[in-house]
């Protein structure tokens, strides 16, 4: 399955995608915490800077999709593409206090934004 699957396209016109690195060793709990950081940070950015996307996303039920990235370079490439597309973006770099070394890029939040704009960047990625 790929990331172009929406929560339910008839009910969600806006979504957020969380891209998680799968090439580093993170426990499920660590992965969930990092994805949470990405979701909150990207949402806050959109709330402040793109309320025309944030408001419908909140009202629709906050559709979120989690997908895989195979490397730090892949995440950085996706971040660049999303920024170039003027989408809300949150790159998460861990402080290294628990499981992984300091300054390890763990995940990326893209959106909330119109699903069609997010899918251009993330639609070919596999679901987590």
C-alpha atoms as a PDB file:
ATOM      1  CA  UNK A   1       0.000   0.000   0.000  1.00  0.00           C
ATOM      2  CA  UNK A   2       1.153   3.510  -0.683  1.00  0.00           C
ATOM      3  CA  UNK A   3       0.621   6.849   1.030  1.00  0.00           C
ATOM      4  CA  UNK A   4      -1.864   8.191  -1.493  1.00  0.00           C
ATOM      5  CA  UNK A   5      -4.570   6.378   0.419  1.00  0.00           C
ATOM      6  CA  UNK A   6      -6.614   9.021   2.160  1.00  0.00           C
ATOM      7  CA  UNK A   7      -8.477   8.568   5.420  1.00  0.00           C
ATOM      8  CA  UNK A   8     -11.617   8.516   3.227  1.00  0.00           C
ATOM      9  CA  UNK A   9     -11.534  10.855   0.270  1.00  0.00           C
ATOM     10  CA  UNK A  10     -15.284  11.520   0.492  1.00  0.00           C
ATOM     11  CA  UNK A  11     -14.901  12.897   4.016  1.00  0.00           C
ATOM     12  CA  UNK A  12     -11.402  14.415   4.018  1.00  0.00           C
ATOM     13  CA  UNK A  13     -10.213  17.094   1.626  1.00  0.00           C
ATOM     14  CA  UNK A  14      -7.233  17.990   3.853  1.00  0.00           C
ATOM     15  CA  UNK A  15      -4.651  15.768   5.490  1.00  0.00           C
ATOM     16  CA  UNK A  16      -1.304  15.492   7.202  1.00  0.00           C
ATOM     17  CA  UNK A  17       1.356  12.926   6.367  1.00  0.00           C
ATOM     18  CA  UNK A  18       3.948  11.820   8.902  1.00  0.00           C
ATOM     19  CA  UNK A  19       7.071  10.391   7.257  1.00  0.00           C
ATOM     20  CA  UNK A  20       9.018   8.097   9.614  1.00  0.00           C
ATOM     21  CA  UNK A  21      12.552   6.852   9.054  1.00  0.00           C
ATOM     22  CA  UNK A  22      12.747   3.075   9.061  1.00  0.00           C
ATOM     23  CA  UNK A  23      16.530   2.769   8.701  1.00  0.00           C
ATOM     24  CA  UNK A  24      17.230   3.647  12.342  1.00  0.00           C
ATOM     25  CA  UNK A  25      16.473   1.570  15.414  1.00  0.00           C
ATOM     26  CA  UNK A  26      13.531   3.095  17.274  1.00  0.00           C
ATOM     27  CA  UNK A  27      11.166   1.252  19.565  1.00  0.00           C
ATOM     28  CA  UNK A  28       7.471   1.532  18.753  1.00  0.00           C
ATOM     29  CA  UNK A  29       7.082   3.945  21.655  1.00  0.00           C
ATOM     30  CA  UNK A  30       9.929   6.150  20.438  1.00  0.00           C
ATOM     31  CA  UNK A  31       8.517   6.095  16.916  1.00  0.00           C
ATOM     32  CA  UNK A  32       5.084   7.108  18.230  1.00  0.00           C
ATOM     33  CA  UNK A  33       6.576   9.949  20.270  1.00  0.00           C
ATOM     34  CA  UNK A  34       8.566  11.249  17.294  1.00  0.00           C
ATOM     35  CA  UNK A  35       5.485  11.064  15.055  1.00  0.00           C
ATOM     36  CA  UNK A  36       3.594  12.972  17.730  1.00  0.00           C
ATOM     37  CA  UNK A  37       6.244  15.696  17.695  1.00  0.00           C
ATOM     38  CA  UNK A  38       5.897  15.958  13.913  1.00  0.00           C
ATOM     39  CA  UNK A  39       2.098  16.099  14.041  1.00  0.00           C
ATOM     40  CA  UNK A  40       1.934  18.750  16.750  1.00  0.00           C
ATOM     41  CA  UNK A  41       4.682  20.901  15.224  1.00  0.00           C
ATOM     42  CA  UNK A  42       3.282  20.789  11.685  1.00  0.00           C
ATOM     43  CA  UNK A  43      -0.237  21.464  12.983  1.00  0.00           C
ATOM     44  CA  UNK A  44       0.886  24.478  15.009  1.00  0.00           C
ATOM     45  CA  UNK A  45       2.736  25.895  12.021  1.00  0.00           C
ATOM     46  CA  UNK A  46      -0.367  25.515   9.857  1.00  0.00           C
ATOM     47  CA  UNK A  47      -2.657  26.948  12.554  1.00  0.00           C
ATOM     48  CA  UNK A  48      -0.560  30.108  12.679  1.00  0.00           C
ATOM     49  CA  UNK A  49       0.401  30.427   9.012  1.00  0.00           C
ATOM     50  CA  UNK A  50      -2.206  28.537   6.925  1.00  0.00           C
ATOM     51  CA  UNK A  51      -5.521  28.743   8.807  1.00  0.00           C
ATOM     52  CA  UNK A  52      -7.352  28.274   5.506  1.00  0.00           C
ATOM     53  CA  UNK A  53      -5.944  24.711   5.528  1.00  0.00           C
ATOM     54  CA  UNK A  54      -5.814  24.099   9.279  1.00  0.00           C
ATOM     55  CA  UNK A  55      -9.481  24.947   9.962  1.00  0.00           C
ATOM     56  CA  UNK A  56     -11.013  22.474   7.493  1.00  0.00           C
ATOM     57  CA  UNK A  57      -8.511  19.799   8.566  1.00  0.00           C
ATOM     58  CA  UNK A  58      -9.547  20.241  12.213  1.00  0.00           C
ATOM     59  CA  UNK A  59     -13.242  20.265  11.334  1.00  0.00           C
ATOM     60  CA  UNK A  60     -12.971  17.171   9.101  1.00  0.00           C
ATOM     61  CA  UNK A  61     -11.412  15.063  11.860  1.00  0.00           C
ATOM     62  CA  UNK A  62      -7.652  15.631  11.425  1.00  0.00           C
ATOM     63  CA  UNK A  63      -6.808  12.958   8.842  1.00  0.00           C
ATOM     64  CA  UNK A  64      -3.229  11.719   9.348  1.00  0.00           C
ATOM     65  CA  UNK A  65      -1.329   9.103   7.355  1.00  0.00           C
ATOM     66  CA  UNK A  66       1.982   7.540   8.482  1.00  0.00           C
ATOM     67  CA  UNK A  67       4.436   6.471   5.775  1.00  0.00           C
ATOM     68  CA  UNK A  68       7.989   5.135   5.572  1.00  0.00           C
ATOM     69  CA  UNK A  69      11.247   6.790   4.548  1.00  0.00           C
ATOM     70  CA  UNK A  70      14.294   4.585   3.999  1.00  0.00           C
ATOM     71  CA  UNK A  71      16.950   7.180   4.844  1.00  0.00           C
ATOM     72  CA  UNK A  72      17.715  10.601   6.212  1.00  0.00           C
ATOM     73  CA  UNK A  73      18.398  11.789   2.665  1.00  0.00           C
ATOM     74  CA  UNK A  74      14.919  10.711   1.573  1.00  0.00           C
ATOM     75  CA  UNK A  75      13.356  12.698   4.427  1.00  0.00           C
ATOM     76  CA  UNK A  76      15.463  15.753   3.597  1.00  0.00           C
ATOM     77  CA  UNK A  77      14.469  15.514  -0.075  1.00  0.00           C
ATOM     78  CA  UNK A  78      10.784  15.313   0.901  1.00  0.00           C
ATOM     79  CA  UNK A  79      11.207  18.284   3.243  1.00  0.00           C
ATOM     80  CA  UNK A  80      12.718  20.349   0.413  1.00  0.00           C
ATOM     81  CA  UNK A  81       9.913  19.399  -1.963  1.00  0.00           C
ATOM     82  CA  UNK A  82       7.241  20.249   0.624  1.00  0.00           C
ATOM     83  CA  UNK A  83       8.849  23.600   1.452  1.00  0.00           C
ATOM     84  CA  UNK A  84       9.119  24.419  -2.259  1.00  0.00           C
ATOM     85  CA  UNK A  85       5.409  23.648  -2.558  1.00  0.00           C
ATOM     86  CA  UNK A  86       4.749  26.059   0.346  1.00  0.00           C
ATOM     87  CA  UNK A  87       3.266  23.315   2.524  1.00  0.00           C
ATOM     88  CA  UNK A  88       3.451  23.281   6.323  1.00  0.00           C
ATOM     89  CA  UNK A  89       6.496  21.220   7.298  1.00  0.00           C
ATOM     90  CA  UNK A  90       8.050  20.045  10.559  1.00  0.00           C
ATOM     91  CA  UNK A  91      11.390  18.219  10.479  1.00  0.00           C
ATOM     92  CA  UNK A  92      12.009  16.383  13.751  1.00  0.00           C
ATOM     93  CA  UNK A  93      15.586  16.012  14.975  1.00  0.00           C
ATOM     94  CA  UNK A  94      15.978  14.074  18.225  1.00  0.00           C
ATOM     95  CA  UNK A  95      17.932  15.441  21.183  1.00  0.00           C
ATOM     96  CA  UNK A  96      19.436  12.027  21.891  1.00  0.00           C
ATOM     97  CA  UNK A  97      18.248  11.681  25.479  1.00  0.00           C
ATOM     98  CA  UNK A  98      16.978   8.103  25.188  1.00  0.00           C
ATOM     99  CA  UNK A  99      17.410   5.576  22.368  1.00  0.00           C
ATOM    100  CA  UNK A 100      19.181   7.279  19.514  1.00  0.00           C
ATOM    101  CA  UNK A 101      22.200   9.560  19.089  1.00  0.00           C
ATOM    102  CA  UNK A 102      21.767  13.345  19.382  1.00  0.00           C
ATOM    103  CA  UNK A 103      20.836  15.226  16.208  1.00  0.00           C
ATOM    104  CA  UNK A 104      19.281  12.195  14.515  1.00  0.00           C
ATOM    105  CA  UNK A 105      16.557  13.154  12.041  1.00  0.00           C
ATOM    106  CA  UNK A 106      13.627  10.864  12.878  1.00  0.00           C
ATOM    107  CA  UNK A 107      10.558  12.045  10.993  1.00  0.00           C
ATOM    108  CA  UNK A 108       8.835  14.738   9.010  1.00  0.00           C
ATOM    109  CA  UNK A 109       5.342  16.154   9.235  1.00  0.00           C
ATOM    110  CA  UNK A 110       3.791  17.553   6.048  1.00  0.00           C
ATOM    111  CA  UNK A 111       0.481  19.389   6.233  1.00  0.00           C
ATOM    112  CA  UNK A 112      -2.236  19.830   7.139  1.00  0.00           C
ATOM    113  CA  UNK A 113      -2.942  20.926   3.603  1.00  0.00           C
ATOM    114  CA  UNK A 114      -5.207  19.984   0.710  1.00  0.00           C
ATOM    115  CA  UNK A 115      -4.822  16.237   0.196  1.00  0.00           C
ATOM    116  CA  UNK A 116      -4.054  16.691  -3.499  1.00  0.00           C
ATOM    117  CA  UNK A 117      -1.062  18.938  -2.712  1.00  0.00           C
ATOM    118  CA  UNK A 118       0.328  16.543  -0.093  1.00  0.00           C
ATOM    119  CA  UNK A 119      -0.166  13.503  -2.336  1.00  0.00           C
ATOM    120  CA  UNK A 120       2.046  15.022  -5.045  1.00  0.00           C
ATOM    121  CA  UNK A 121       4.969  14.707  -2.614  1.00  0.00           C
ATOM    122  CA  UNK A 122       4.099  11.672  -0.497  1.00  0.00           C
ATOM    123  CA  UNK A 123       1.703   9.613  -2.621  1.00  0.00           C
ATOM    124  CA  UNK A 124       4.258   7.016  -3.700  1.00  0.00           C
ATOM    125  CA  UNK A 125       5.542   6.245  -0.194  1.00  0.00           C
ATOM    126  CA  UNK A 126       4.580   2.996   1.529  1.00  0.00           C
ATOM    127  CA  UNK A 127       2.356   3.063   4.576  1.00  0.00           C
ATOM    128  CA  UNK A 128       4.127   2.554   7.903  1.00  0.00           C
END
